[in-house]
Amino acid sequence: MTASPEHFDVLIVGAGISGVGGAYHLTQQCPDKTFLVLEALDDFGGTWRTHTYPGIRSDSDLYTFGYRFKPWVGPPIATAEAILQYMGEVIEENDLGRHIRYRHRISQAAWSSADNLWHILAERTDTGEVRRFTANFLWMCQGYYRQSKGYTPEWPGMGDFKGRIVHPQTWPDDLDLKGKRAVIIGSGATAATLLPNIADDCAHVTLLQRSPTYFIPGRNANELADTLRELKIDETWIHEIVRRKILLDQDVFTRRAIEEPETVKQELLAGVSEFVGPEVTEKHFTPSYRPWRQRIAFVPDGDIFQSVRDGKASVVTDEIERFTETGLQLKSGERLDADVIITATGFNLNVLGDIAFSIDGKALTFNDTVTYRGMMFTGVPNLVWVFGYFRASWTLRADLVSDFVCRLLQHMDEKGARKVSVALRPEDEGMALSPWIDPENFNPGYLMRGMNLLPKSGDKPEWRHSQDYWREKDELPAIDLDDAAFVYEGQAAAVRAA
């Protein structure tokens, strides 16, 4: 006889930065709700647990990537180890561990209108046992890329290469780079992190990029935080003050990047030029696009540029024609010899955790839905997805979405509603639909490759995924939960009971 499913008011998918934050907010704002966090890995941390390549660190500051409720006391750019320690403290200090089940990989999530419940199947990754759960509400905190395998393009001749091909997302424990010639393919934050952290071991490192990207080099310290600590200000106040100052500066920078892109571009390039000089900057570190069309990573102490300046590494801007037995043949005719080729070429977009979703027996095609503010989706009841910011720290939106979920759950209780979904209103009839993100404003490769998997956006603020934290911090708390976009079921029972 099959055991009855375990039931919870809320089921959180994922124990990464969003899921742990969501669990905290539930305990604080909805203490009467039962909830469970299911995590496929054997411990918390998500990205910071799975990524083990040398030097793995944040590319945004921890005063804003950290939670608003937990002061950050270390350097602004933090290692994965420090971030995991910080998250572990959040779990321990708030007794969240008892709510988390590790090694549970969800395979199916089926909504049933017959009982207004999500029916969940999860497999124990250690035993193979299939567990069943039901939940009133599903909170997707699983991130947005596939943890198991990164994105590597298919180049001709890859099978001919006699060395090793490695993707940073699945860094092998047995990889020894001492005295080896390494080529890193890519120009993003991962490549910029890897290069200075393997340069001392390698005979030489070559960064091969098809096109440059923007970076912000600077000292890995926050002068305001240091000054406030000298004044013996409480860390809670330091966290809030520094967080607000960073957010103000980021807001100004973002708007300047849009309004005066050429000036901002020259300022960014000047920062790089201080390390490698104007000639190298112009040749290898001058992007063809305006600032902020892709994420800009902070480079602590300009370490990648120091490695290039000191001759431990070099940069080649070219395209790959094919792999050879000994390395790479480039389209320019140049050859790069290598013992190890590292493909820091991005990741594969993951939509709703690669879980098989269905609504009343019909498979869910996510691309057929329209998003409500990047959190809810037409025709998908009792579900919220945390998808953070590209131009600001992910956790900023995770905190805002947590507030929204808790307020929505409380509102449903007040109305006696067991089901909520979003639907286009009469005034939205005929609204023009477009992709999830406007590629003219933000166009990293992983989004362009997976845009067909994501929901549609409308031409009104309610039906878009805004990338503007500075607007959303005021707009999301002010959402009218009785707006016609929200469709509730079950109110009548509450009225009769009253």
Protein backbone atom coordinates (compact mmCIF):
# COMPACT_ATOMS: atom_id res chain seq x y z
CA MET A 1 0.00 0.00 0.00
CA THR A 2 1.38 3.41 -1.01
CA ALA A 3 2.00 5.75 1.91
CA SER A 4 -0.08 8.91 2.08
CA PRO A 5 1.72 12.02 0.91
CA GLU A 6 3.09 14.45 3.47
CA HIS A 7 1.22 17.74 3.38
CA PHE A 8 2.52 21.29 3.91
CA ASP A 9 1.01 24.71 3.49
CA VAL A 10 4.02 25.85 1.44
CA LEU A 11 6.66 23.84 -0.37
CA ILE A 12 9.87 25.69 -1.27
CA VAL A 13 11.95 24.27 -4.11
CA GLY A 14 15.67 24.75 -3.52
CA ALA A 15 17.89 25.60 -0.53
CA GLY A 16 20.05 28.17 -2.26
CA ILE A 17 20.19 31.87 -1.49
CA SER A 18 16.49 32.36 -2.43
CA GLY A 19 15.11 29.27 -0.72
CA VAL A 20 16.90 29.87 2.57
CA GLY A 21 15.75 33.50 2.51
CA GLY A 22 12.19 32.43 1.74
CA ALA A 23 12.21 29.99 4.64
CA TYR A 24 13.37 32.76 6.99
CA HIS A 25 10.65 35.16 5.84
CA LEU A 26 7.97 32.50 6.28
CA THR A 27 9.00 31.92 9.88
CA GLN A 28 8.89 35.66 10.56
CA GLN A 29 5.84 36.76 8.58
CA CYS A 30 3.69 33.61 8.43
CA PRO A 31 4.64 31.69 11.59
CA ASP A 32 1.42 29.68 11.49
CA LYS A 33 2.23 28.16 8.08
CA THR A 34 3.75 24.72 7.80
CA PHE A 35 6.44 24.53 5.15
CA LEU A 36 9.14 22.32 3.71
CA VAL A 37 12.22 23.04 1.62
CA LEU A 38 13.21 20.31 -0.82
CA GLU A 39 16.80 20.39 -2.08
CA ALA A 40 18.33 18.02 -4.62
CA LEU A 41 21.89 18.50 -3.36
CA ASP A 42 23.21 17.02 -0.13
CA ASP A 43 23.58 20.44 1.50
CA PHE A 44 22.43 24.07 1.22
CA GLY A 45 24.00 26.73 -0.97
CA GLY A 46 23.01 26.04 -4.58
CA THR A 47 25.54 27.73 -6.87
CA TRP A 48 27.97 28.25 -4.01
CA ARG A 49 27.90 24.53 -3.28
CA THR A 50 28.14 23.18 -6.84
CA HIS A 51 30.73 25.59 -8.25
CA THR A 52 34.17 24.57 -7.04
CA TYR A 53 36.50 26.07 -9.65
CA PRO A 54 39.55 27.97 -8.34
CA GLY A 55 38.73 31.37 -6.89
CA ILE A 56 34.93 31.03 -7.04
CA ARG A 57 33.54 34.29 -5.68
CA SER A 58 30.62 36.67 -5.96
CA ASP A 59 30.62 39.20 -8.78
CA SER A 60 28.47 41.66 -6.81
CA ASP A 61 28.87 43.06 -3.32
CA LEU A 62 27.66 41.11 -0.31
CA TYR A 63 26.07 44.13 1.33
CA THR A 64 23.34 43.82 -1.32
CA PHE A 65 23.76 40.14 -2.24
CA GLY A 66 23.47 39.32 1.44
CA TYR A 67 20.04 39.33 3.05
CA ARG A 68 18.62 42.58 4.36
CA PHE A 69 18.05 40.94 7.76
CA LYS A 70 21.54 39.51 8.28
CA PRO A 71 24.51 41.92 8.43
CA TRP A 72 27.49 41.17 6.23
CA VAL A 73 30.79 41.80 7.98
CA GLY A 74 33.41 40.61 5.46
CA PRO A 75 34.91 42.05 2.25
CA PRO A 76 32.32 43.20 -0.32
CA ILE A 77 33.37 40.57 -2.87
CA ALA A 78 33.25 37.23 -1.09
CA THR A 79 34.44 33.69 -1.70
CA ALA A 80 32.00 30.81 -2.00
CA GLU A 81 33.29 29.53 1.33
CA ALA A 82 32.43 32.81 3.07
CA ILE A 83 28.97 32.93 1.48
CA LEU A 84 28.24 29.36 2.57
CA GLN A 85 29.33 30.21 6.11
CA TYR A 86 27.00 33.23 6.07
CA MET A 87 24.06 31.12 4.83
CA GLY A 88 24.83 28.44 7.39
CA GLU A 89 24.61 31.03 10.14
CA VAL A 90 21.18 32.13 8.85
CA ILE A 91 19.98 28.52 8.95
CA GLU A 92 21.38 27.85 12.43
CA GLU A 93 20.36 31.15 14.03
CA ASN A 94 16.76 30.75 12.84
CA ASP A 95 16.39 26.98 13.28
CA LEU A 96 15.66 26.49 9.58
CA GLY A 97 17.49 23.18 9.27
CA ARG A 98 14.50 21.20 10.54
CA HIS A 99 12.48 22.45 7.58
CA ILE A 100 14.98 21.36 4.89
CA ARG A 101 15.14 17.91 3.29
CA TYR A 102 18.30 17.33 1.27
CA ARG A 103 18.85 14.79 -1.52
CA HIS A 104 15.25 15.17 -2.75
CA ARG A 105 15.06 15.79 -6.49
CA ILE A 106 11.56 16.78 -7.66
CA SER A 107 10.51 15.09 -10.89
CA GLN A 108 6.83 16.02 -11.14
CA ALA A 109 4.56 18.80 -9.93
CA ALA A 110 0.89 18.41 -10.77
CA TRP A 111 -1.81 20.92 -9.86
CA SER A 112 -5.25 19.50 -9.17
CA SER A 113 -8.26 21.83 -9.10
CA ALA A 114 -10.28 18.99 -7.58
CA ASP A 115 -8.54 19.51 -4.23
CA ASN A 116 -6.67 22.80 -4.93
CA LEU A 117 -3.32 21.20 -4.18
CA TRP A 118 0.05 20.69 -5.78
CA HIS A 119 0.97 17.00 -5.90
CA ILE A 120 4.74 16.52 -5.84
CA LEU A 121 6.89 13.51 -6.64
CA ALA A 122 10.50 13.62 -5.43
CA GLU A 123 13.20 10.98 -5.66
CA ARG A 124 15.74 10.45 -2.90
CA THR A 125 19.07 10.77 -4.69
CA ASP A 126 20.79 8.53 -2.13
CA THR A 127 18.30 5.65 -2.01
CA GLY A 128 16.17 6.01 -5.15
CA GLU A 129 13.03 6.05 -3.01
CA VAL A 130 10.16 8.10 -4.43
CA ARG A 131 8.46 10.37 -1.94
CA ARG A 132 5.06 12.06 -2.34
CA PHE A 133 4.07 15.47 -1.03
CA THR A 134 1.12 17.80 -1.33
CA ALA A 135 1.19 21.56 -0.82
CA ASN A 136 -1.25 24.44 -0.96
CA PHE A 137 1.40 26.72 -2.42
CA LEU A 138 4.57 26.16 -4.43
CA TRP A 139 7.48 28.59 -4.11
CA MET A 140 10.09 28.09 -6.84
CA CYS A 141 13.54 29.08 -5.56
CA GLN A 142 15.57 26.73 -7.73
CA GLY A 143 17.47 29.38 -9.69
CA TYR A 144 17.59 29.74 -13.44
CA TYR A 145 20.32 27.49 -14.83
CA ARG A 146 20.99 23.75 -14.99
CA GLN A 147 23.34 22.81 -12.17
CA SER A 148 24.39 19.47 -13.64
CA LYS A 149 25.98 20.69 -16.87
CA GLY A 150 27.27 24.00 -18.20
CA TYR A 151 27.02 25.26 -21.76
CA THR A 152 29.86 24.36 -24.12
CA PRO A 153 29.44 25.07 -27.85
CA GLU A 154 30.21 22.29 -30.32
CA TRP A 155 33.38 23.15 -32.22
CA PRO A 156 34.87 21.05 -35.01
CA GLY A 157 37.63 18.71 -33.95
CA MET A 158 36.92 18.66 -30.21
CA GLY A 159 37.43 14.91 -30.24
CA ASP A 160 40.89 15.35 -31.73
CA PHE A 161 42.28 17.32 -28.81
CA LYS A 162 44.69 15.18 -26.77
CA GLY A 163 44.47 17.29 -23.61
CA ARG A 164 41.54 17.86 -21.24
CA ILE A 165 38.46 19.97 -21.90
CA VAL A 166 36.92 21.29 -18.68
CA HIS A 167 33.85 23.39 -17.94
CA PRO A 168 34.14 25.46 -14.72
CA GLN A 169 30.67 24.40 -13.61
CA THR A 170 31.84 20.79 -13.29
CA TRP A 171 35.45 21.35 -12.22
CA PRO A 172 37.19 17.97 -11.74
CA ASP A 173 38.87 17.25 -8.41
CA ASP A 174 41.83 15.56 -10.07
CA LEU A 175 42.79 18.41 -12.42
CA ASP A 176 46.45 19.37 -11.90
CA LEU A 177 47.43 22.58 -13.69
CA LYS A 178 51.00 22.86 -12.41
CA GLY A 179 53.30 23.65 -15.30
CA LYS A 180 50.48 23.27 -17.83
CA ARG A 181 49.53 25.56 -20.69
CA ALA A 182 45.89 26.53 -20.18
CA VAL A 183 43.47 28.30 -22.51
CA ILE A 184 40.32 29.79 -21.02
CA ILE A 185 37.56 30.33 -23.58
CA GLY A 186 35.24 33.14 -22.51
CA SER A 187 35.18 36.74 -21.38
CA GLY A 188 32.71 36.88 -18.51
CA ALA A 189 32.95 36.90 -14.73
CA THR A 190 33.86 33.21 -14.51
CA ALA A 191 36.80 33.60 -16.90
CA ALA A 192 37.93 36.74 -15.09
CA THR A 193 37.83 34.89 -11.77
CA LEU A 194 39.59 31.77 -13.00
CA LEU A 195 42.52 33.40 -14.75
CA PRO A 196 44.28 35.05 -11.79
CA ASN A 197 43.54 32.05 -9.58
CA ILE A 198 45.32 29.53 -11.81
CA ALA A 199 47.99 31.79 -13.32
CA ASP A 200 50.57 31.08 -10.60
CA ASP A 201 50.29 27.31 -11.14
CA CYS A 202 50.21 27.26 -14.92
CA ALA A 203 53.17 27.64 -17.25
CA HIS A 204 50.98 30.24 -18.97
CA VAL A 205 47.30 31.09 -19.27
CA THR A 206 45.69 32.47 -22.41
CA LEU A 207 42.26 34.06 -22.27
CA LEU A 208 40.61 33.52 -25.65
CA GLN A 209 37.58 35.71 -26.22
CA ARG A 210 35.38 36.31 -29.21
CA SER A 211 34.56 39.78 -27.93
CA PRO A 212 35.47 41.75 -24.78
CA THR A 213 33.21 42.54 -21.86
CA TYR A 214 33.10 45.35 -19.29
CA PHE A 215 34.63 45.05 -15.83
CA ILE A 216 34.92 47.36 -12.85
CA PRO A 217 38.31 46.94 -11.14
CA GLY A 218 38.65 48.25 -7.62
CA ARG A 219 39.80 47.63 -4.07
CA ASN A 220 37.90 44.83 -2.34
CA ALA A 221 36.84 47.00 0.56
CA ASN A 222 34.14 49.49 1.41
CA GLU A 223 35.50 52.72 2.87
CA LEU A 224 32.18 53.75 4.38
CA ALA A 225 31.86 50.40 6.19
CA ASP A 226 35.44 50.62 7.42
CA THR A 227 34.87 54.16 8.73
CA LEU A 228 31.65 53.19 10.50
CA ARG A 229 33.43 50.27 12.14
CA GLU A 230 36.17 52.60 13.38
CA LEU A 231 33.38 54.64 14.96
CA LYS A 232 32.12 51.48 16.71
CA ILE A 233 28.73 51.61 14.99
CA ASP A 234 26.58 48.51 15.43
CA GLU A 235 26.93 46.05 12.52
CA THR A 236 23.18 46.07 11.91
CA TRP A 237 23.32 49.81 11.27
CA ILE A 238 26.49 49.49 9.19
CA HIS A 239 24.82 46.89 6.99
CA GLU A 240 21.77 49.06 6.39
CA ILE A 241 23.67 52.31 5.81
CA VAL A 242 26.25 50.77 3.46
CA ARG A 243 23.55 48.80 1.65
CA ARG A 244 21.57 51.99 1.00
CA LYS A 245 24.65 53.88 -0.17
CA ILE A 246 25.65 51.09 -2.59
CA LEU A 247 22.11 50.91 -3.97
CA LEU A 248 22.06 54.69 -4.47
CA ASP A 249 25.38 54.54 -6.31
CA GLN A 250 24.20 51.63 -8.45
CA ASP A 251 21.02 53.48 -9.35
CA VAL A 252 23.00 56.52 -10.47
CA PHE A 253 25.42 54.34 -12.44
CA THR A 254 22.66 52.41 -14.20
CA ARG A 255 20.84 55.56 -15.26
CA ARG A 256 24.07 57.16 -16.45
CA ALA A 257 24.86 54.02 -18.49
CA ILE A 258 21.56 54.56 -20.33
CA GLU A 259 21.62 58.34 -20.58
CA GLU A 260 25.33 58.92 -21.25
CA PRO A 261 26.72 55.55 -22.37
CA GLU A 262 29.84 56.90 -24.09
CA THR A 263 30.97 58.76 -20.96
CA VAL A 264 30.40 55.70 -18.76
CA LYS A 265 32.22 53.53 -21.30
CA GLN A 266 35.29 55.75 -21.19
CA GLU A 267 35.26 55.73 -17.39
CA LEU A 268 35.15 51.93 -17.31
CA LEU A 269 37.93 51.61 -19.86
CA ALA A 270 40.06 54.11 -17.95
CA GLY A 271 39.89 51.85 -14.90
CA VAL A 272 41.24 48.93 -16.95
CA SER A 273 43.86 51.08 -18.65
CA GLU A 274 45.41 51.92 -15.28
CA PHE A 275 46.52 48.27 -15.09
CA VAL A 276 47.34 47.24 -18.66
CA GLY A 277 47.73 50.52 -20.51
CA PRO A 278 45.64 52.09 -23.29
CA GLU A 279 46.95 49.91 -26.13
CA VAL A 280 46.00 46.58 -24.53
CA THR A 281 42.74 48.09 -23.30
CA GLU A 282 41.75 49.21 -26.78
CA LYS A 283 42.73 45.89 -28.38
CA HIS A 284 41.34 43.41 -25.87
CA PHE A 285 39.11 45.12 -23.30
CA THR A 286 36.92 47.50 -25.31
CA PRO A 287 33.45 45.97 -25.87
CA SER A 288 31.41 46.78 -28.97
CA TYR A 289 28.16 47.22 -27.02
CA ARG A 290 27.08 49.97 -24.64
CA PRO A 291 27.51 49.39 -20.88
CA TRP A 292 24.89 47.30 -19.04
CA ARG A 293 23.60 45.34 -22.04
CA GLN A 294 25.32 42.51 -20.21
CA ARG A 295 26.16 42.16 -16.54
CA ILE A 296 29.25 44.06 -15.38
CA ALA A 297 31.40 42.15 -12.92
CA PHE A 298 33.47 43.79 -10.21
CA VAL A 299 37.10 42.63 -10.30
CA PRO A 300 38.66 42.89 -6.81
CA ASP A 301 42.02 44.62 -6.94
CA GLY A 302 41.97 44.26 -10.73
CA ASP A 303 43.51 40.79 -10.32
CA ILE A 304 42.90 39.60 -13.89
CA PHE A 305 44.55 42.73 -15.26
CA GLN A 306 47.49 42.32 -12.89
CA SER A 307 48.08 38.81 -14.27
CA VAL A 308 48.08 40.15 -17.82
CA ARG A 309 50.36 43.07 -16.91
CA ASP A 310 52.82 40.79 -15.14
CA GLY A 311 53.07 38.42 -18.12
CA LYS A 312 51.53 35.41 -16.34
CA ALA A 313 48.61 35.55 -18.77
CA SER A 314 47.79 36.89 -22.20
CA VAL A 315 44.60 37.77 -24.03
CA VAL A 316 43.68 36.81 -27.58
CA THR A 317 40.60 38.27 -29.23
CA ASP A 318 39.69 35.91 -32.06
CA GLU A 319 37.33 33.10 -33.03
CA ILE A 320 37.85 29.35 -33.02
CA GLU A 321 38.02 27.60 -36.38
CA ARG A 322 38.61 24.16 -34.92
CA PHE A 323 40.24 22.15 -32.17
CA THR A 324 43.45 20.33 -33.05
CA GLU A 325 45.42 17.58 -31.31
CA THR A 326 47.55 20.18 -29.56
CA GLY A 327 45.17 23.07 -29.03
CA LEU A 328 43.16 25.50 -31.13
CA GLN A 329 43.29 26.74 -34.69
CA LEU A 330 41.88 30.28 -34.84
CA LYS A 331 40.14 31.95 -37.76
CA SER A 332 42.94 34.53 -38.00
CA GLY A 333 45.40 31.75 -38.76
CA GLU A 334 46.99 31.84 -35.29
CA ARG A 335 47.38 28.59 -33.34
CA LEU A 336 47.12 28.25 -29.57
CA ASP A 337 48.84 25.27 -28.00
CA ALA A 338 47.32 23.97 -24.78
CA ASP A 339 47.40 21.09 -22.35
CA VAL A 340 44.04 22.07 -20.84
CA ILE A 341 41.19 24.01 -22.44
CA ILE A 342 38.65 25.53 -20.04
CA THR A 343 35.30 26.44 -21.57
CA ALA A 344 34.00 29.34 -19.46
CA THR A 345 31.23 29.71 -22.01
CA GLY A 346 28.18 30.07 -19.82
CA PHE A 347 25.38 27.83 -18.69
CA ASN A 348 22.13 26.28 -19.84
CA LEU A 349 18.93 28.03 -18.86
CA ASN A 350 16.78 25.99 -16.54
CA VAL A 351 13.05 26.63 -16.56
CA LEU A 352 11.17 25.71 -13.39
CA GLY A 353 13.89 23.31 -12.30
CA ASP A 354 13.44 20.90 -15.23
CA ILE A 355 10.40 19.59 -13.38
CA ALA A 356 7.52 18.10 -15.37
CA PHE A 357 4.67 20.49 -14.55
CA SER A 358 1.03 19.85 -15.31
CA ILE A 359 -2.21 21.69 -14.61
CA ASP A 360 -5.26 19.45 -14.18
CA GLY A 361 -3.67 16.69 -16.21
CA LYS A 362 -2.36 18.89 -19.03
CA ALA A 363 1.38 19.41 -19.42
CA LEU A 364 2.39 23.00 -18.78
CA THR A 365 4.07 24.83 -21.66
CA PHE A 366 5.70 27.70 -19.82
CA ASN A 367 6.26 29.73 -22.98
CA ASP A 368 2.48 29.90 -23.52
CA THR A 369 1.97 31.85 -20.31
CA VAL A 370 2.29 35.58 -19.64
CA THR A 371 4.23 36.68 -16.58
CA TYR A 372 2.86 38.86 -13.81
CA ARG A 373 5.85 40.98 -12.74
CA GLY A 374 8.21 38.06 -13.31
CA MET A 375 6.74 36.19 -10.30
CA MET A 376 3.43 34.56 -11.32
CA PHE A 377 2.14 33.22 -14.63
CA THR A 378 -1.26 33.13 -16.29
CA GLY A 379 -3.01 29.81 -15.85
CA VAL A 380 -0.58 28.57 -13.17
CA PRO A 381 -2.26 28.71 -9.74
CA ASN A 382 -0.66 29.00 -6.30
CA LEU A 383 2.88 29.36 -7.59
CA VAL A 384 5.52 32.07 -7.39
CA TRP A 385 8.98 31.93 -8.99
CA VAL A 386 11.96 33.89 -7.71
CA PHE A 387 13.92 35.29 -10.65
CA GLY A 388 16.33 37.96 -9.52
CA TYR A 389 17.93 40.99 -11.10
CA PHE A 390 20.57 40.98 -13.81
CA ARG A 391 21.87 44.47 -13.06
CA ALA A 392 21.67 44.26 -9.28
CA SER A 393 22.09 41.55 -6.67
CA TRP A 394 19.81 38.53 -6.99
CA THR A 395 18.93 38.59 -3.31
CA LEU A 396 17.43 42.06 -3.46
CA ARG A 397 14.53 40.65 -5.46
CA ALA A 398 14.41 37.43 -3.45
CA ASP A 399 13.67 39.51 -0.34
CA LEU A 400 11.01 41.56 -2.16
CA VAL A 401 9.34 38.45 -3.58
CA SER A 402 9.37 36.87 -0.12
CA ASP A 403 7.41 39.82 1.23
CA PHE A 404 4.95 39.47 -1.66
CA VAL A 405 4.44 35.73 -1.09
CA CYS A 406 3.84 36.17 2.62
CA ARG A 407 1.39 39.01 2.01
CA LEU A 408 -0.40 36.97 -0.65
CA LEU A 409 -0.72 33.97 1.66
CA GLN A 410 -2.15 36.17 4.40
CA HIS A 411 -4.56 37.78 1.94
CA MET A 412 -5.79 34.38 0.77
CA ASP A 413 -6.47 33.43 4.38
CA GLU A 414 -8.42 36.63 4.94
CA LYS A 415 -10.55 35.94 1.86
CA GLY A 416 -10.96 32.24 2.66
CA ALA A 417 -9.46 31.49 -0.76
CA ARG A 418 -7.69 28.23 -1.48
CA LYS A 419 -6.61 29.14 -4.99
CA VAL A 420 -5.14 32.21 -6.64
CA SER A 421 -4.01 32.68 -10.19
CA VAL A 422 -3.32 35.64 -12.44
CA ALA A 423 -5.23 36.41 -15.63
CA LEU A 424 -5.25 39.17 -18.20
CA ARG A 425 -7.92 41.75 -17.39
CA PRO A 426 -10.48 43.20 -19.82
CA GLU A 427 -8.27 46.26 -20.24
CA ASP A 428 -5.39 43.96 -21.25
CA GLU A 429 -7.30 42.51 -24.21
CA GLY A 430 -5.23 42.78 -27.37
CA MET A 431 -2.10 43.71 -25.41
CA ALA A 432 1.07 43.23 -27.45
CA LEU A 433 3.18 40.34 -26.19
CA SER A 434 6.95 40.15 -26.42
CA PRO A 435 9.82 37.99 -25.12
CA TRP A 436 10.59 37.71 -21.40
CA ILE A 437 13.42 40.25 -21.65
CA ASP A 438 13.97 42.90 -24.32
CA PRO A 439 17.23 41.82 -26.03
CA GLU A 440 17.94 45.43 -26.92
CA ASN A 441 18.40 46.19 -23.24
CA PHE A 442 19.92 42.96 -21.94
CA ASN A 443 21.20 40.11 -24.09
CA PRO A 444 23.55 37.57 -22.48
CA GLY A 445 23.98 34.34 -24.41
CA TYR A 446 22.15 32.06 -21.97
CA LEU A 447 18.99 34.18 -22.26
CA MET A 448 19.18 34.42 -26.04
CA ARG A 449 19.57 30.63 -26.31
CA GLY A 450 16.65 29.92 -23.99
CA MET A 451 14.21 32.76 -24.63
CA ASN A 452 11.79 30.37 -26.34
CA LEU A 453 11.41 28.50 -23.04
CA LEU A 454 10.38 31.50 -20.96
CA PRO A 455 6.97 33.15 -20.52
CA LYS A 456 5.84 36.13 -22.54
CA SER A 457 5.78 39.72 -21.35
CA GLY A 458 3.15 42.37 -22.00
CA ASP A 459 3.47 46.08 -22.68
CA LYS A 460 2.23 47.13 -19.23
CA PRO A 461 4.28 47.19 -16.01
CA GLU A 462 2.14 44.47 -14.39
CA TRP A 463 2.95 42.02 -17.16
CA ARG A 464 6.71 42.48 -17.31
CA HIS A 465 9.72 41.29 -15.40
CA SER A 466 11.24 44.61 -14.43
CA GLN A 467 15.00 44.84 -13.93
CA ASP A 468 14.62 48.04 -11.94
CA TYR A 469 15.05 47.34 -8.24
CA TRP A 470 14.77 51.03 -7.45
CA ARG A 471 11.20 51.06 -8.77
CA GLU A 472 10.22 47.61 -7.57
CA LYS A 473 11.23 48.25 -3.96
CA ASP A 474 8.25 50.64 -3.85
CA GLU A 475 5.97 48.99 -6.42
CA LEU A 476 5.93 45.38 -5.18
CA PRO A 477 4.91 46.22 -1.59
CA ALA A 478 2.15 48.43 -3.01
CA ILE A 479 0.60 45.77 -5.27
CA ASP A 480 -3.19 45.74 -4.87
CA LEU A 481 -3.93 42.07 -4.20
CA ASP A 482 -7.58 42.70 -5.06
CA ASP A 483 -6.71 43.98 -8.52
CA ALA A 484 -8.63 42.19 -11.28
CA ALA A 485 -5.38 40.50 -12.36
CA PHE A 486 -5.72 38.21 -9.30
CA VAL A 487 -8.40 35.55 -9.52
CA TYR A 488 -9.33 33.91 -6.22
CA GLU A 489 -11.48 30.87 -5.58
CA GLY A 490 -13.06 29.97 -2.26
CA GLN A 491 -14.18 33.41 -1.06
CA ALA A 492 -17.81 32.31 -0.87
CA ALA A 493 -17.03 29.82 1.89
CA ALA A 494 -15.47 32.59 3.95
CA VAL A 495 -18.53 34.80 3.47
CA ARG A 496 -20.90 32.01 4.58
CA ALA A 497 -18.73 31.31 7.61
CA ALA A 498 -18.85 34.97 8.59
